[in-house]
Amino acid sequence: MQAYCMKCRTKREMRDAKSVTMKNGRPATKGVCPVCGTKMFRIGKS
């Protein structure tokens, strides 16, 4: 799944992507940028 990396300022494929549920009940995906190692987060169904 692709997400926007705030550090690289580009869309990249997430590494170690995991589906999570936010406090308000909405689905989201957490992962890591494969280039710089920054945490990535994408709201919405994975």
N, C-alpha and C. Protein backbone atom coordinates (compact mmCIF):
# COMPACT_ATOMS: atom_id res chain seq x y z
N MET A 1 0.84 -1.18 0.00
CA MET A 1 0.00 0.00 0.00
C MET A 1 0.88 1.24 0.00
N GLN A 2 0.48 2.24 -0.74
CA GLN A 2 1.24 3.47 -0.82
C GLN A 2 0.75 4.48 0.20
N ALA A 3 1.68 5.29 0.72
CA ALA A 3 1.35 6.37 1.63
C ALA A 3 2.35 7.49 1.40
N TYR A 4 2.03 8.68 1.90
CA TYR A 4 2.90 9.84 1.72
C TYR A 4 3.92 9.90 2.85
N CYS A 5 5.19 10.00 2.48
CA CYS A 5 6.26 10.14 3.48
C CYS A 5 6.51 11.62 3.71
N MET A 6 6.36 12.07 4.94
CA MET A 6 6.53 13.49 5.25
C MET A 6 7.99 13.93 5.13
N LYS A 7 8.91 13.03 5.38
CA LYS A 7 10.33 13.38 5.32
C LYS A 7 10.83 13.42 3.87
N CYS A 8 10.49 12.42 3.07
CA CYS A 8 10.91 12.37 1.66
C CYS A 8 10.05 13.26 0.77
N ARG A 9 8.84 13.58 1.23
CA ARG A 9 7.87 14.37 0.48
C ARG A 9 7.46 13.72 -0.84
N THR A 10 7.30 12.40 -0.81
CA THR A 10 6.83 11.66 -1.98
C THR A 10 5.95 10.50 -1.50
N LYS A 11 5.18 9.95 -2.43
CA LYS A 11 4.41 8.75 -2.13
C LYS A 11 5.31 7.55 -2.32
N ARG A 12 5.30 6.65 -1.35
CA ARG A 12 6.11 5.45 -1.43
C ARG A 12 5.31 4.25 -0.96
N GLU A 13 5.80 3.08 -1.34
CA GLU A 13 5.19 1.82 -0.88
C GLU A 13 5.59 1.60 0.58
N MET A 14 4.60 1.35 1.44
CA MET A 14 4.87 1.15 2.87
C MET A 14 5.53 -0.20 3.12
N ARG A 15 6.46 -0.22 4.06
CA ARG A 15 7.08 -1.48 4.50
C ARG A 15 6.49 -1.82 5.87
N ASP A 16 6.30 -3.09 6.14
CA ASP A 16 5.72 -3.56 7.42
C ASP A 16 4.35 -2.94 7.68
N ALA A 17 3.51 -2.89 6.66
CA ALA A 17 2.18 -2.29 6.80
C ALA A 17 1.29 -3.14 7.69
N LYS A 18 0.61 -2.49 8.65
CA LYS A 18 -0.30 -3.17 9.57
C LYS A 18 -1.61 -2.40 9.62
N SER A 19 -2.72 -3.13 9.60
CA SER A 19 -4.03 -2.50 9.73
C SER A 19 -4.28 -2.20 11.20
N VAL A 20 -4.74 -0.99 11.48
CA VAL A 20 -5.06 -0.57 12.84
C VAL A 20 -6.42 0.13 12.84
N THR A 21 -6.98 0.30 14.02
CA THR A 21 -8.21 1.04 14.18
C THR A 21 -7.93 2.23 15.08
N MET A 22 -8.31 3.41 14.63
CA MET A 22 -8.08 4.62 15.41
C MET A 22 -9.08 4.70 16.57
N LYS A 23 -8.86 5.63 17.49
CA LYS A 23 -9.72 5.77 18.66
C LYS A 23 -11.18 6.00 18.30
N ASN A 24 -11.42 6.70 17.18
CA ASN A 24 -12.79 7.01 16.78
C ASN A 24 -13.43 5.87 15.99
N GLY A 25 -12.71 4.75 15.80
CA GLY A 25 -13.25 3.57 15.15
C GLY A 25 -12.97 3.46 13.66
N ARG A 26 -12.34 4.47 13.07
CA ARG A 26 -12.04 4.43 11.64
C ARG A 26 -10.81 3.56 11.38
N PRO A 27 -10.80 2.85 10.25
CA PRO A 27 -9.64 2.02 9.92
C PRO A 27 -8.48 2.86 9.40
N ALA A 28 -7.27 2.37 9.60
CA ALA A 28 -6.07 3.06 9.12
C ALA A 28 -4.97 2.02 8.92
N THR A 29 -3.86 2.46 8.32
CA THR A 29 -2.71 1.59 8.09
C THR A 29 -1.45 2.28 8.56
N LYS A 30 -0.63 1.55 9.32
CA LYS A 30 0.65 2.07 9.79
C LYS A 30 1.76 1.32 9.09
N GLY A 31 2.88 2.00 8.84
CA GLY A 31 4.02 1.35 8.21
C GLY A 31 5.27 2.18 8.36
N VAL A 32 6.31 1.81 7.61
CA VAL A 32 7.60 2.48 7.67
C VAL A 32 8.05 2.79 6.25
N CYS A 33 8.67 3.94 6.06
CA CYS A 33 9.21 4.31 4.75
C CYS A 33 10.44 3.45 4.47
N PRO A 34 10.50 2.80 3.30
CA PRO A 34 11.63 1.93 2.99
C PRO A 34 12.93 2.69 2.73
N VAL A 35 12.86 3.99 2.44
CA VAL A 35 14.06 4.77 2.13
C VAL A 35 14.66 5.41 3.38
N CYS A 36 13.83 6.17 4.13
CA CYS A 36 14.38 6.92 5.27
C CYS A 36 14.04 6.32 6.63
N GLY A 37 13.09 5.38 6.68
CA GLY A 37 12.76 4.72 7.95
C GLY A 37 11.76 5.48 8.81
N THR A 38 11.17 6.56 8.29
CA THR A 38 10.19 7.34 9.03
C THR A 38 8.87 6.59 9.08
N LYS A 39 8.13 6.76 10.19
CA LYS A 39 6.82 6.14 10.30
C LYS A 39 5.87 6.77 9.30
N MET A 40 5.02 5.92 8.69
CA MET A 40 4.02 6.39 7.73
C MET A 40 2.64 5.99 8.24
N PHE A 41 1.64 6.77 7.89
CA PHE A 41 0.28 6.53 8.38
C PHE A 41 -0.69 6.91 7.28
N ARG A 42 -1.66 6.03 7.03
CA ARG A 42 -2.67 6.32 6.02
C ARG A 42 -4.05 5.98 6.57
N ILE A 43 -4.94 6.96 6.53
CA ILE A 43 -6.30 6.76 7.01
C ILE A 43 -7.14 6.16 5.89
N GLY A 44 -7.96 5.19 6.24
CA GLY A 44 -8.84 4.56 5.26
C GLY A 44 -8.63 3.07 5.23
N LYS A 45 -9.56 2.38 4.58
CA LYS A 45 -9.52 0.93 4.51
C LYS A 45 -8.28 0.46 3.76
N SER A 46 -7.62 -0.56 4.30
CA SER A 46 -6.38 -1.05 3.68
C SER A 46 -6.61 -2.16 2.69
